[in-house]
Amino acid sequence: MKQEYFALCITRTCGSGGTEIGKMLAQQLGIDLYDRKLLRLASEDSGINEKIFAKADQDTKKTLLYKVSKSVYNGELIPPESGNFLSDRNLFEYQAKVLKELLKKESYVVLGRAADFVLRDKPNAISIFLSASEEACFAREMEIMQTDAFGVNRHISSINRYRSDYYRYHTGNRWKNPENYDLCLRTDVLGYQGCVDLICAYIERR
């Protein structure tokens, strides 16, 4: 019987520990984790220099692009002769293409990138939303950043706003809508290992 690979698509709020849980899942399951590594793979697939991709990824965080418009993902790549070939939209399209191709040859964990929407028609893709209380998120980010309370709160608010806008721009959907996901877990209630164990149990039941 042909082995069916699976993808764990993790969406997380800032400070919820989603990145750490993703790493723990990848290690426990013996599979790879993709986050910014997708930039390199998308670069190799498209022939566009990785630094250009990374710059596009960073520049859009400083603009109002995601706030004022939408470009819902439809799987259509922009051709090299187009003036938009080096746009953030094309970056997203190539990342989506890579995610779909990876699923044909390996199981993996992916953080963010609206992967749940990209792989929504794949029955072997599991979408997970991780969140925690404001107090728990603040405590975690304070420990990491080692700065004042104002700076930590501003950082959390900025990251969550960006992720929400990014998700809406590329999917047309609301980031925190539980209907988008197979599992919605509170990391401060279950603990990191508790989340990992529950997700692994879910995979087995699927």
C-alpha atoms as a PDB file:
ATOM      1  CA  MET A   1       0.000   0.000   0.000  1.00  0.00           C
ATOM      2  CA  LYS A   2       1.291   3.432  -0.929  1.00  0.00           C
ATOM      3  CA  GLN A   3       2.158   5.504   2.122  1.00  0.00           C
ATOM      4  CA  GLU A   4       0.066   8.622   2.573  1.00  0.00           C
ATOM      5  CA  TYR A   5       1.966  11.581   3.916  1.00  0.00           C
ATOM      6  CA  PHE A   6       0.377  14.237   6.099  1.00  0.00           C
ATOM      7  CA  ALA A   7       0.890  17.911   6.862  1.00  0.00           C
ATOM      8  CA  LEU A   8       0.359  19.620  10.200  1.00  0.00           C
ATOM      9  CA  CYS A   9      -0.554  23.243   9.469  1.00  0.00           C
ATOM     10  CA  ILE A  10      -0.037  25.311  12.605  1.00  0.00           C
ATOM     11  CA  THR A  11      -1.476  28.785  13.007  1.00  0.00           C
ATOM     12  CA  ARG A  12      -0.589  30.487  16.295  1.00  0.00           C
ATOM     13  CA  THR A  13      -1.000  33.672  18.241  1.00  0.00           C
ATOM     14  CA  CYS A  14       2.109  35.514  19.402  1.00  0.00           C
ATOM     15  CA  GLY A  15       3.305  34.169  22.747  1.00  0.00           C
ATOM     16  CA  SER A  16       1.257  30.967  22.638  1.00  0.00           C
ATOM     17  CA  GLY A  17       4.338  28.813  22.108  1.00  0.00           C
ATOM     18  CA  GLY A  18       3.220  27.591  18.693  1.00  0.00           C
ATOM     19  CA  THR A  19       6.724  27.634  17.256  1.00  0.00           C
ATOM     20  CA  GLU A  20       8.076  25.528  20.113  1.00  0.00           C
ATOM     21  CA  ILE A  21       5.168  23.094  19.837  1.00  0.00           C
ATOM     22  CA  GLY A  22       5.806  22.811  16.102  1.00  0.00           C
ATOM     23  CA  LYS A  23       9.439  21.912  16.786  1.00  0.00           C
ATOM     24  CA  MET A  24       8.406  19.371  19.420  1.00  0.00           C
ATOM     25  CA  LEU A  25       5.928  17.761  17.018  1.00  0.00           C
ATOM     26  CA  ALA A  26       8.518  17.550  14.245  1.00  0.00           C
ATOM     27  CA  GLN A  27      11.021  15.945  16.594  1.00  0.00           C
ATOM     28  CA  GLN A  28       8.560  13.497  18.146  1.00  0.00           C
ATOM     29  CA  LEU A  29       7.166  12.425  14.763  1.00  0.00           C
ATOM     30  CA  GLY A  30      10.541  12.401  13.026  1.00  0.00           C
ATOM     31  CA  ILE A  31       9.469  14.802  10.286  1.00  0.00           C
ATOM     32  CA  ASP A  32      10.682  18.166   9.036  1.00  0.00           C
ATOM     33  CA  LEU A  33       9.449  21.613  10.057  1.00  0.00           C
ATOM     34  CA  TYR A  34       8.998  24.382   7.507  1.00  0.00           C
ATOM     35  CA  ASP A  35       8.789  28.071   8.312  1.00  0.00           C
ATOM     36  CA  ARG A  36      11.244  30.502   6.781  1.00  0.00           C
ATOM     37  CA  LYS A  37      12.912  27.508   5.133  1.00  0.00           C
ATOM     38  CA  LEU A  38      10.064  27.777   2.618  1.00  0.00           C
ATOM     39  CA  LEU A  39      11.711  30.940   1.297  1.00  0.00           C
ATOM     40  CA  ARG A  40      14.749  28.930   0.221  1.00  0.00           C
ATOM     41  CA  LEU A  41      12.636  26.213  -1.393  1.00  0.00           C
ATOM     42  CA  ALA A  42      10.440  28.770  -3.162  1.00  0.00           C
ATOM     43  CA  SER A  43      13.590  30.526  -4.351  1.00  0.00           C
ATOM     44  CA  GLU A  44      14.975  27.298  -5.797  1.00  0.00           C
ATOM     45  CA  ASP A  45      11.667  26.478  -7.482  1.00  0.00           C
ATOM     46  CA  SER A  46      11.157  29.897  -9.045  1.00  0.00           C
ATOM     47  CA  GLY A  47      14.756  30.818  -9.813  1.00  0.00           C
ATOM     48  CA  ILE A  48      14.335  34.065  -7.866  1.00  0.00           C
ATOM     49  CA  ASN A  49      17.191  34.939  -5.526  1.00  0.00           C
ATOM     50  CA  GLU A  50      16.310  34.025  -1.925  1.00  0.00           C
ATOM     51  CA  LYS A  51      17.364  37.478  -0.701  1.00  0.00           C
ATOM     52  CA  ILE A  52      14.776  39.069  -3.007  1.00  0.00           C
ATOM     53  CA  PHE A  53      12.097  36.760  -1.637  1.00  0.00           C
ATOM     54  CA  ALA A  54      13.146  37.547   1.939  1.00  0.00           C
ATOM     55  CA  LYS A  55      13.097  41.290   1.216  1.00  0.00           C
ATOM     56  CA  ALA A  56       9.584  41.069  -0.255  1.00  0.00           C
ATOM     57  CA  ASP A  57       8.494  39.103   2.802  1.00  0.00           C
ATOM     58  CA  GLN A  58       9.869  41.760   5.155  1.00  0.00           C
ATOM     59  CA  ASP A  59       8.833  44.831   3.164  1.00  0.00           C
ATOM     60  CA  THR A  60       5.138  43.947   3.141  1.00  0.00           C
ATOM     61  CA  LYS A  61       5.150  43.907   6.938  1.00  0.00           C
ATOM     62  CA  LYS A  62       5.920  47.628   6.831  1.00  0.00           C
ATOM     63  CA  THR A  63       3.143  48.555   4.402  1.00  0.00           C
ATOM     64  CA  LEU A  64      -0.636  48.833   4.468  1.00  0.00           C
ATOM     65  CA  LEU A  65      -0.959  46.220   1.715  1.00  0.00           C
ATOM     66  CA  TYR A  66      -2.730  43.601   3.805  1.00  0.00           C
ATOM     67  CA  LYS A  67      -5.039  46.132   5.437  1.00  0.00           C
ATOM     68  CA  VAL A  68      -6.480  47.725   2.319  1.00  0.00           C
ATOM     69  CA  SER A  69      -6.813  44.880  -0.184  1.00  0.00           C
ATOM     70  CA  LYS A  70      -7.139  41.155  -0.794  1.00  0.00           C
ATOM     71  CA  SER A  71      -5.468  38.737  -3.173  1.00  0.00           C
ATOM     72  CA  VAL A  72      -7.054  35.401  -2.327  1.00  0.00           C
ATOM     73  CA  TYR A  73      -4.836  32.476  -3.260  1.00  0.00           C
ATOM     74  CA  ASN A  74      -6.008  30.587  -6.344  1.00  0.00           C
ATOM     75  CA  GLY A  75      -2.891  28.658  -7.338  1.00  0.00           C
ATOM     76  CA  GLU A  76      -1.993  30.813 -10.332  1.00  0.00           C
ATOM     77  CA  LEU A  77       1.696  31.655 -10.620  1.00  0.00           C
ATOM     78  CA  ILE A  78       2.748  35.009 -12.074  1.00  0.00           C
ATOM     79  CA  PRO A  79       4.943  34.609 -15.191  1.00  0.00           C
ATOM     80  CA  PRO A  80       8.512  36.025 -15.247  1.00  0.00           C
ATOM     81  CA  GLU A  81       7.601  38.603 -17.900  1.00  0.00           C
ATOM     82  CA  SER A  82       5.033  40.178 -15.568  1.00  0.00           C
ATOM     83  CA  GLY A  83       5.905  43.299 -13.596  1.00  0.00           C
ATOM     84  CA  ASN A  84       4.535  41.543 -10.496  1.00  0.00           C
ATOM     85  CA  PHE A  85       6.841  38.512 -10.736  1.00  0.00           C
ATOM     86  CA  LEU A  86       8.836  39.651  -7.693  1.00  0.00           C
ATOM     87  CA  SER A  87       5.768  40.617  -5.655  1.00  0.00           C
ATOM     88  CA  ASP A  88       4.691  39.287  -2.272  1.00  0.00           C
ATOM     89  CA  ARG A  89       1.751  37.644  -3.996  1.00  0.00           C
ATOM     90  CA  ASN A  90       4.084  35.576  -6.158  1.00  0.00           C
ATOM     91  CA  LEU A  91       6.176  34.742  -3.112  1.00  0.00           C
ATOM     92  CA  PHE A  92       3.034  33.310  -1.541  1.00  0.00           C
ATOM     93  CA  GLU A  93       2.089  31.425  -4.729  1.00  0.00           C
ATOM     94  CA  TYR A  94       5.480  29.733  -4.937  1.00  0.00           C
ATOM     95  CA  GLN A  95       5.448  28.856  -1.240  1.00  0.00           C
ATOM     96  CA  ALA A  96       2.017  27.289  -1.776  1.00  0.00           C
ATOM     97  CA  LYS A  97       3.310  25.343  -4.774  1.00  0.00           C
ATOM     98  CA  VAL A  98       6.206  24.014  -2.684  1.00  0.00           C
ATOM     99  CA  LEU A  99       3.873  22.969   0.151  1.00  0.00           C
ATOM    100  CA  LYS A 100       1.700  20.967  -2.233  1.00  0.00           C
ATOM    101  CA  GLU A 101       4.671  19.272  -3.871  1.00  0.00           C
ATOM    102  CA  LEU A 102       6.269  18.428  -0.510  1.00  0.00           C
ATOM    103  CA  LEU A 103       3.090  16.658   0.589  1.00  0.00           C
ATOM    104  CA  LYS A 104       3.529  14.190  -2.272  1.00  0.00           C
ATOM    105  CA  LYS A 105       6.854  12.969  -0.905  1.00  0.00           C
ATOM    106  CA  GLU A 106       7.013  13.612   2.852  1.00  0.00           C
ATOM    107  CA  SER A 107       5.100  14.426   6.014  1.00  0.00           C
ATOM    108  CA  TYR A 108       5.883  17.765   7.648  1.00  0.00           C
ATOM    109  CA  VAL A 109       4.931  20.505  10.066  1.00  0.00           C
ATOM    110  CA  VAL A 110       4.450  24.008   8.668  1.00  0.00           C
ATOM    111  CA  LEU A 111       4.140  27.196  10.706  1.00  0.00           C
ATOM    112  CA  GLY A 112       1.838  29.937   9.449  1.00  0.00           C
ATOM    113  CA  ARG A 113       1.898  30.885   5.751  1.00  0.00           C
ATOM    114  CA  ALA A 114      -1.895  30.284   5.622  1.00  0.00           C
ATOM    115  CA  ALA A 115      -0.983  26.657   4.909  1.00  0.00           C
ATOM    116  CA  ASP A 116      -4.359  25.444   6.191  1.00  0.00           C
ATOM    117  CA  PHE A 117      -6.027  27.350   3.330  1.00  0.00           C
ATOM    118  CA  VAL A 118      -3.458  26.347   0.722  1.00  0.00           C
ATOM    119  CA  LEU A 119      -3.944  22.648   1.584  1.00  0.00           C
ATOM    120  CA  ARG A 120      -7.660  22.862   2.406  1.00  0.00           C
ATOM    121  CA  ASP A 121      -8.597  20.323  -0.287  1.00  0.00           C
ATOM    122  CA  LYS A 122      -6.070  17.765   0.971  1.00  0.00           C
ATOM    123  CA  PRO A 123      -7.683  15.205   3.329  1.00  0.00           C
ATOM    124  CA  ASN A 124      -4.249  14.435   4.817  1.00  0.00           C
ATOM    125  CA  ALA A 125      -3.659  18.043   5.898  1.00  0.00           C
ATOM    126  CA  ILE A 126      -4.524  18.794   9.534  1.00  0.00           C
ATOM    127  CA  SER A 127      -5.076  22.419  10.510  1.00  0.00           C
ATOM    128  CA  ILE A 128      -4.388  23.549  14.071  1.00  0.00           C
ATOM    129  CA  PHE A 129      -4.910  26.898  15.779  1.00  0.00           C
ATOM    130  CA  LEU A 130      -2.875  27.473  18.951  1.00  0.00           C
ATOM    131  CA  SER A 131      -3.624  30.281  21.382  1.00  0.00           C
ATOM    132  CA  ALA A 132      -3.201  31.185  25.040  1.00  0.00           C
ATOM    133  CA  SER A 133      -4.514  33.752  27.507  1.00  0.00           C
ATOM    134  CA  GLU A 134      -3.226  37.307  27.270  1.00  0.00           C
ATOM    135  CA  GLU A 135      -1.437  36.821  30.575  1.00  0.00           C
ATOM    136  CA  ALA A 136       0.344  33.661  29.393  1.00  0.00           C
ATOM    137  CA  CYS A 137       1.362  35.231  26.074  1.00  0.00           C
ATOM    138  CA  PHE A 138       2.655  38.322  27.855  1.00  0.00           C
ATOM    139  CA  ALA A 139       4.695  36.268  30.338  1.00  0.00           C
ATOM    140  CA  ARG A 140       6.299  34.194  27.581  1.00  0.00           C
ATOM    141  CA  GLU A 141       7.209  37.175  25.406  1.00  0.00           C
ATOM    142  CA  MET A 142       8.485  39.123  28.412  1.00  0.00           C
ATOM    143  CA  GLU A 143      10.836  36.232  29.198  1.00  0.00           C
ATOM    144  CA  ILE A 144      12.075  36.136  25.601  1.00  0.00           C
ATOM    145  CA  MET A 145      12.356  39.871  24.930  1.00  0.00           C
ATOM    146  CA  GLN A 146      13.588  41.063  28.322  1.00  0.00           C
ATOM    147  CA  THR A 147      12.106  44.533  27.856  1.00  0.00           C
ATOM    148  CA  ASP A 148       9.429  46.724  29.424  1.00  0.00           C
ATOM    149  CA  ALA A 149       5.737  45.862  29.542  1.00  0.00           C
ATOM    150  CA  PHE A 150       4.824  48.508  26.967  1.00  0.00           C
ATOM    151  CA  GLY A 151       7.293  47.090  24.461  1.00  0.00           C
ATOM    152  CA  VAL A 152       6.068  43.536  24.970  1.00  0.00           C
ATOM    153  CA  ASN A 153       2.410  44.476  24.584  1.00  0.00           C
ATOM    154  CA  ARG A 154       3.168  46.494  21.450  1.00  0.00           C
ATOM    155  CA  HIS A 155       5.137  43.561  19.993  1.00  0.00           C
ATOM    156  CA  ILE A 156       2.335  41.051  20.659  1.00  0.00           C
ATOM    157  CA  SER A 157      -0.288  43.377  19.223  1.00  0.00           C
ATOM    158  CA  SER A 158       1.816  44.083  16.130  1.00  0.00           C
ATOM    159  CA  ILE A 159       2.578  40.428  15.383  1.00  0.00           C
ATOM    160  CA  ASN A 160      -1.036  39.307  15.850  1.00  0.00           C
ATOM    161  CA  ARG A 161      -2.327  42.155  13.703  1.00  0.00           C
ATOM    162  CA  TYR A 162       0.125  41.288  10.931  1.00  0.00           C
ATOM    163  CA  ARG A 163      -0.773  37.596  11.027  1.00  0.00           C
ATOM    164  CA  SER A 164      -4.479  38.406  10.960  1.00  0.00           C
ATOM    165  CA  ASP A 165      -4.106  40.822   8.034  1.00  0.00           C
ATOM    166  CA  TYR A 166      -1.834  38.403   6.153  1.00  0.00           C
ATOM    167  CA  TYR A 167      -4.353  35.587   6.575  1.00  0.00           C
ATOM    168  CA  ARG A 168      -7.304  37.696   5.455  1.00  0.00           C
ATOM    169  CA  TYR A 169      -5.381  39.054   2.450  1.00  0.00           C
ATOM    170  CA  HIS A 170      -4.418  35.621   1.120  1.00  0.00           C
ATOM    171  CA  THR A 171      -7.517  33.633   2.126  1.00  0.00           C
ATOM    172  CA  GLY A 172     -10.399  36.085   2.436  1.00  0.00           C
ATOM    173  CA  ASN A 173     -11.165  34.481   5.808  1.00  0.00           C
ATOM    174  CA  ARG A 174     -10.947  35.554   9.439  1.00  0.00           C
ATOM    175  CA  TRP A 175      -7.759  34.358  11.136  1.00  0.00           C
ATOM    176  CA  LYS A 176      -9.310  33.378  14.484  1.00  0.00           C
ATOM    177  CA  ASN A 177     -12.433  31.716  13.081  1.00  0.00           C
ATOM    178  CA  PRO A 178     -12.498  28.187  14.601  1.00  0.00           C
ATOM    179  CA  GLU A 179     -14.326  26.881  11.523  1.00  0.00           C
ATOM    180  CA  ASN A 180     -11.050  27.227   9.601  1.00  0.00           C
ATOM    181  CA  TYR A 181      -9.304  24.588  11.701  1.00  0.00           C
ATOM    182  CA  ASP A 182      -9.556  20.932  12.678  1.00  0.00           C
ATOM    183  CA  LEU A 183      -8.229  21.606  16.178  1.00  0.00           C
ATOM    184  CA  CYS A 184      -8.191  24.763  18.331  1.00  0.00           C
ATOM    185  CA  LEU A 185      -6.045  24.307  21.451  1.00  0.00           C
ATOM    186  CA  ARG A 186      -5.203  26.475  24.456  1.00  0.00           C
ATOM    187  CA  THR A 187      -1.507  25.960  25.106  1.00  0.00           C
ATOM    188  CA  ASP A 188      -1.611  27.500  28.592  1.00  0.00           C
ATOM    189  CA  VAL A 189      -4.312  25.029  29.630  1.00  0.00           C
ATOM    190  CA  LEU A 190      -2.906  21.868  28.053  1.00  0.00           C
ATOM    191  CA  GLY A 191       0.795  22.679  28.258  1.00  0.00           C
ATOM    192  CA  TYR A 192       3.167  22.245  25.330  1.00  0.00           C
ATOM    193  CA  GLN A 193       3.618  18.491  25.716  1.00  0.00           C
ATOM    194  CA  GLY A 194      -0.100  18.108  26.323  1.00  0.00           C
ATOM    195  CA  CYS A 195      -0.788  19.802  22.977  1.00  0.00           C
ATOM    196  CA  VAL A 196       1.762  17.585  21.249  1.00  0.00           C
ATOM    197  CA  ASP A 197       0.233  14.441  22.734  1.00  0.00           C
ATOM    198  CA  LEU A 198      -3.303  15.461  21.787  1.00  0.00           C
ATOM    199  CA  ILE A 199      -2.285  16.329  18.211  1.00  0.00           C
ATOM    200  CA  CYS A 200      -0.459  13.005  17.833  1.00  0.00           C
ATOM    201  CA  ALA A 201      -3.540  11.175  19.140  1.00  0.00           C
ATOM    202  CA  TYR A 202      -5.677  13.075  16.623  1.00  0.00           C
ATOM    203  CA  ILE A 203      -3.356  12.034  13.788  1.00  0.00           C
ATOM    204  CA  GLU A 204      -3.772   8.374  14.768  1.00  0.00           C
ATOM    205  CA  ARG A 205      -7.566   8.700  14.903  1.00  0.00           C
ATOM    206  CA  ARG A 206      -7.634  10.332  11.485  1.00  0.00           C
END
